[in-house]
């Protein structure tokens, strides 16, 4: 199925606004506290940034006529996410925010310049073209804030 470019860009911009609203006002100490299901808010941001980078590379790759490089099983996805979490654990909140901003811009740029083939969601693997992944993490962060009263 071919995605509408403008609707897709709107989708990603809207999800980011919701995420930024959910983390607004958090101190660095709160951002690094690993009390959100074992991860910190900063860890969630670094995770989302990584997947934005992967998704952006997929848009470019598929637009260029190549196949998805990110087809994986559920077990592989879990193992990859655990490894990526460990590798990015030492990032500061400032760098996690930077990674989040830069990776999203890469994704928006990739979608903006995608060839028609790059907008065909059926060609994507684990890093799907249209994803609700960020909304899921935003929901977890909102729940965590509500439970903590922050």
C-alpha atoms as a PDB file:
ATOM      1  CA  UNK A   1       0.000   0.000   0.000  1.00  0.00           C
ATOM      2  CA  UNK A   2       1.351   3.386  -0.973  1.00  0.00           C
ATOM      3  CA  UNK A   3       1.305   5.971   1.809  1.00  0.00           C
ATOM      4  CA  UNK A   4       0.347   9.583   1.211  1.00  0.00           C
ATOM      5  CA  UNK A   5       3.547  11.570   1.783  1.00  0.00           C
ATOM      6  CA  UNK A   6       1.899  14.575   3.441  1.00  0.00           C
ATOM      7  CA  UNK A   7      -0.238  12.400   5.734  1.00  0.00           C
ATOM      8  CA  UNK A   8       2.846  10.401   6.719  1.00  0.00           C
ATOM      9  CA  UNK A   9       4.839  13.549   7.513  1.00  0.00           C
ATOM     10  CA  UNK A  10       1.909  14.846   9.554  1.00  0.00           C
ATOM     11  CA  UNK A  11       1.691  11.525  11.409  1.00  0.00           C
ATOM     12  CA  UNK A  12       5.346  11.679  12.482  1.00  0.00           C
ATOM     13  CA  UNK A  13       5.224  15.374  13.396  1.00  0.00           C
ATOM     14  CA  UNK A  14       2.086  14.894  15.482  1.00  0.00           C
ATOM     15  CA  UNK A  15       3.518  11.902  17.351  1.00  0.00           C
ATOM     16  CA  UNK A  16       6.666  13.887  18.130  1.00  0.00           C
ATOM     17  CA  UNK A  17       4.671  16.823  19.497  1.00  0.00           C
ATOM     18  CA  UNK A  18       2.841  14.412  21.807  1.00  0.00           C
ATOM     19  CA  UNK A  19       6.113  12.840  22.984  1.00  0.00           C
ATOM     20  CA  UNK A  20       7.754  16.213  23.634  1.00  0.00           C
ATOM     21  CA  UNK A  21       4.694  17.283  25.599  1.00  0.00           C
ATOM     22  CA  UNK A  22       4.926  14.076  27.653  1.00  0.00           C
ATOM     23  CA  UNK A  23       8.554  14.731  28.613  1.00  0.00           C
ATOM     24  CA  UNK A  24       8.210  18.481  29.059  1.00  0.00           C
ATOM     25  CA  UNK A  25       9.488  19.796  32.369  1.00  0.00           C
ATOM     26  CA  UNK A  26      11.325  16.641  33.403  1.00  0.00           C
ATOM     27  CA  UNK A  27      14.659  17.279  35.104  1.00  0.00           C
ATOM     28  CA  UNK A  28      17.765  15.395  34.032  1.00  0.00           C
ATOM     29  CA  UNK A  29      17.539  13.427  37.282  1.00  0.00           C
ATOM     30  CA  UNK A  30      14.009  12.306  36.416  1.00  0.00           C
ATOM     31  CA  UNK A  31      15.048  11.587  32.826  1.00  0.00           C
ATOM     32  CA  UNK A  32      17.761   9.177  33.999  1.00  0.00           C
ATOM     33  CA  UNK A  33      15.875   7.365  36.751  1.00  0.00           C
ATOM     34  CA  UNK A  34      15.440   3.742  35.567  1.00  0.00           C
ATOM     35  CA  UNK A  35      11.953   3.397  37.024  1.00  0.00           C
ATOM     36  CA  UNK A  36       9.947   3.170  33.806  1.00  0.00           C
ATOM     37  CA  UNK A  37       9.701  -0.608  33.462  1.00  0.00           C
ATOM     38  CA  UNK A  38      13.457  -0.866  34.049  1.00  0.00           C
ATOM     39  CA  UNK A  39      14.340   1.866  31.578  1.00  0.00           C
ATOM     40  CA  UNK A  40      14.661   5.606  32.109  1.00  0.00           C
ATOM     41  CA  UNK A  41      12.832   8.189  30.019  1.00  0.00           C
ATOM     42  CA  UNK A  42      16.214   8.962  28.473  1.00  0.00           C
ATOM     43  CA  UNK A  43      16.548   5.296  27.481  1.00  0.00           C
ATOM     44  CA  UNK A  44      13.163   5.451  25.757  1.00  0.00           C
ATOM     45  CA  UNK A  45      14.251   8.553  23.834  1.00  0.00           C
ATOM     46  CA  UNK A  46      17.508   6.902  22.731  1.00  0.00           C
ATOM     47  CA  UNK A  47      15.552   3.815  21.665  1.00  0.00           C
ATOM     48  CA  UNK A  48      13.115   5.879  19.590  1.00  0.00           C
ATOM     49  CA  UNK A  49      15.983   7.801  18.004  1.00  0.00           C
ATOM     50  CA  UNK A  50      17.667   4.564  16.973  1.00  0.00           C
ATOM     51  CA  UNK A  51      14.497   3.309  15.305  1.00  0.00           C
ATOM     52  CA  UNK A  52      14.003   6.657  13.537  1.00  0.00           C
ATOM     53  CA  UNK A  53      17.530   6.317  12.134  1.00  0.00           C
ATOM     54  CA  UNK A  54      16.812   2.767  11.002  1.00  0.00           C
ATOM     55  CA  UNK A  55      13.484   3.782   9.490  1.00  0.00           C
ATOM     56  CA  UNK A  56      15.100   6.722   7.652  1.00  0.00           C
ATOM     57  CA  UNK A  57      17.758   4.414   6.200  1.00  0.00           C
ATOM     58  CA  UNK A  58      15.012   2.017   5.104  1.00  0.00           C
ATOM     59  CA  UNK A  59      13.152   4.806   3.278  1.00  0.00           C
ATOM     60  CA  UNK A  60      16.341   5.725   1.401  1.00  0.00           C
ATOM     61  CA  UNK A  61      17.218   2.070   0.740  1.00  0.00           C
ATOM     62  CA  UNK A  62      13.773   1.107  -0.543  1.00  0.00           C
ATOM     63  CA  UNK A  63      13.485   4.329  -2.571  1.00  0.00           C
ATOM     64  CA  UNK A  64      16.737   3.298  -4.260  1.00  0.00           C
ATOM     65  CA  UNK A  65      15.214   0.000  -5.371  1.00  0.00           C
ATOM     66  CA  UNK A  66      16.701  -2.239  -2.696  1.00  0.00           C
ATOM     67  CA  UNK A  67      15.029  -4.595  -0.240  1.00  0.00           C
ATOM     68  CA  UNK A  68      14.490  -3.985   3.459  1.00  0.00           C
ATOM     69  CA  UNK A  69      17.552  -4.752   5.543  1.00  0.00           C
ATOM     70  CA  UNK A  70      15.471  -5.015   8.719  1.00  0.00           C
ATOM     71  CA  UNK A  71      13.321  -8.116   8.461  1.00  0.00           C
ATOM     72  CA  UNK A  72      13.638  -9.941  11.768  1.00  0.00           C
ATOM     73  CA  UNK A  73      11.851 -12.349  14.022  1.00  0.00           C
ATOM     74  CA  UNK A  74      10.352 -11.296  17.335  1.00  0.00           C
ATOM     75  CA  UNK A  75      13.274 -12.955  19.095  1.00  0.00           C
ATOM     76  CA  UNK A  76      15.799 -11.050  16.965  1.00  0.00           C
ATOM     77  CA  UNK A  77      13.927  -7.802  17.619  1.00  0.00           C
ATOM     78  CA  UNK A  78      14.082  -8.369  21.388  1.00  0.00           C
ATOM     79  CA  UNK A  79      17.786  -9.226  21.257  1.00  0.00           C
ATOM     80  CA  UNK A  80      18.547  -6.191  19.077  1.00  0.00           C
ATOM     81  CA  UNK A  81      16.624  -3.841  21.369  1.00  0.00           C
ATOM     82  CA  UNK A  82      18.393  -5.218  24.448  1.00  0.00           C
ATOM     83  CA  UNK A  83      21.813  -4.768  22.836  1.00  0.00           C
ATOM     84  CA  UNK A  84      20.958  -1.268  21.592  1.00  0.00           C
ATOM     85  CA  UNK A  85      19.735  -0.330  25.073  1.00  0.00           C
ATOM     86  CA  UNK A  86      23.000  -1.499  26.617  1.00  0.00           C
ATOM     87  CA  UNK A  87      25.078   0.370  24.027  1.00  0.00           C
ATOM     88  CA  UNK A  88      23.194   3.653  24.522  1.00  0.00           C
ATOM     89  CA  UNK A  89      22.834   3.433  28.296  1.00  0.00           C
ATOM     90  CA  UNK A  90      25.641   5.931  28.961  1.00  0.00           C
ATOM     91  CA  UNK A  91      24.138   8.677  26.767  1.00  0.00           C
ATOM     92  CA  UNK A  92      23.374  11.850  28.673  1.00  0.00           C
ATOM     93  CA  UNK A  93      19.838  13.258  28.663  1.00  0.00           C
ATOM     94  CA  UNK A  94      21.148  16.106  26.508  1.00  0.00           C
ATOM     95  CA  UNK A  95      22.558  13.699  23.923  1.00  0.00           C
ATOM     96  CA  UNK A  96      19.396  11.575  23.990  1.00  0.00           C
ATOM     97  CA  UNK A  97      17.348  14.702  23.212  1.00  0.00           C
ATOM     98  CA  UNK A  98      19.801  15.607  20.426  1.00  0.00           C
ATOM     99  CA  UNK A  99      19.657  12.082  18.976  1.00  0.00           C
ATOM    100  CA  UNK A 100      15.860  12.257  19.081  1.00  0.00           C
ATOM    101  CA  UNK A 101      15.750  15.566  17.197  1.00  0.00           C
ATOM    102  CA  UNK A 102      18.376  14.701  14.589  1.00  0.00           C
ATOM    103  CA  UNK A 103      17.036  11.229  13.868  1.00  0.00           C
ATOM    104  CA  UNK A 104      13.495  12.552  13.407  1.00  0.00           C
ATOM    105  CA  UNK A 105      14.752  15.189  10.996  1.00  0.00           C
ATOM    106  CA  UNK A 106      16.558  12.457   9.023  1.00  0.00           C
ATOM    107  CA  UNK A 107      13.307  10.504   8.845  1.00  0.00           C
ATOM    108  CA  UNK A 108      11.258  13.515   7.742  1.00  0.00           C
ATOM    109  CA  UNK A 109      13.885  14.377   5.118  1.00  0.00           C
ATOM    110  CA  UNK A 110      13.919  10.785   3.844  1.00  0.00           C
ATOM    111  CA  UNK A 111      10.127  10.692   3.560  1.00  0.00           C
ATOM    112  CA  UNK A 112      10.044  14.134   1.911  1.00  0.00           C
ATOM    113  CA  UNK A 113      12.441  13.000  -0.820  1.00  0.00           C
ATOM    114  CA  UNK A 114      11.271   9.377  -1.113  1.00  0.00           C
ATOM    115  CA  UNK A 115      10.639   7.873  -4.513  1.00  0.00           C
ATOM    116  CA  UNK A 116       7.169   6.378  -4.991  1.00  0.00           C
ATOM    117  CA  UNK A 117       8.620   2.932  -4.186  1.00  0.00           C
ATOM    118  CA  UNK A 118       9.826   4.289  -0.832  1.00  0.00           C
ATOM    119  CA  UNK A 119       6.228   5.103   0.104  1.00  0.00           C
ATOM    120  CA  UNK A 120       5.045   1.510  -0.416  1.00  0.00           C
ATOM    121  CA  UNK A 121       4.557   0.256   3.138  1.00  0.00           C
ATOM    122  CA  UNK A 122       4.381  -3.377   2.012  1.00  0.00           C
ATOM    123  CA  UNK A 123       8.127  -3.332   1.260  1.00  0.00           C
ATOM    124  CA  UNK A 124       9.242  -2.629   4.832  1.00  0.00           C
ATOM    125  CA  UNK A 125      10.443  -4.971   7.547  1.00  0.00           C
ATOM    126  CA  UNK A 126      10.504  -4.424  11.297  1.00  0.00           C
ATOM    127  CA  UNK A 127      11.038  -0.660  10.857  1.00  0.00           C
ATOM    128  CA  UNK A 128       7.720  -0.159   9.105  1.00  0.00           C
ATOM    129  CA  UNK A 129       7.070   2.978   7.107  1.00  0.00           C
ATOM    130  CA  UNK A 130       4.079   4.064   9.217  1.00  0.00           C
ATOM    131  CA  UNK A 131       4.652   3.220  12.831  1.00  0.00           C
ATOM    132  CA  UNK A 132       2.838   3.788  16.098  1.00  0.00           C
ATOM    133  CA  UNK A 133       5.974   2.819  17.999  1.00  0.00           C
ATOM    134  CA  UNK A 134       6.551   6.306  19.356  1.00  0.00           C
ATOM    135  CA  UNK A 135       2.939   6.654  20.492  1.00  0.00           C
ATOM    136  CA  UNK A 136       3.329   3.432  22.466  1.00  0.00           C
ATOM    137  CA  UNK A 137       6.404   4.772  24.280  1.00  0.00           C
ATOM    138  CA  UNK A 138       4.675   8.124  24.823  1.00  0.00           C
ATOM    139  CA  UNK A 139       1.804   6.292  26.469  1.00  0.00           C
ATOM    140  CA  UNK A 140       4.194   4.491  28.806  1.00  0.00           C
ATOM    141  CA  UNK A 141       5.879   7.788  29.734  1.00  0.00           C
ATOM    142  CA  UNK A 142       2.508   9.449  30.405  1.00  0.00           C
ATOM    143  CA  UNK A 143       1.449   6.513  32.585  1.00  0.00           C
ATOM    144  CA  UNK A 144       4.767   6.671  34.472  1.00  0.00           C
ATOM    145  CA  UNK A 145       4.346  10.415  35.074  1.00  0.00           C
ATOM    146  CA  UNK A 146       0.785   9.937  36.248  1.00  0.00           C
ATOM    147  CA  UNK A 147       1.783   7.162  38.654  1.00  0.00           C
ATOM    148  CA  UNK A 148       4.590   9.319  40.058  1.00  0.00           C
ATOM    149  CA  UNK A 149       2.537  12.504  40.155  1.00  0.00           C
ATOM    150  CA  UNK A 150       5.048  14.442  38.016  1.00  0.00           C
END
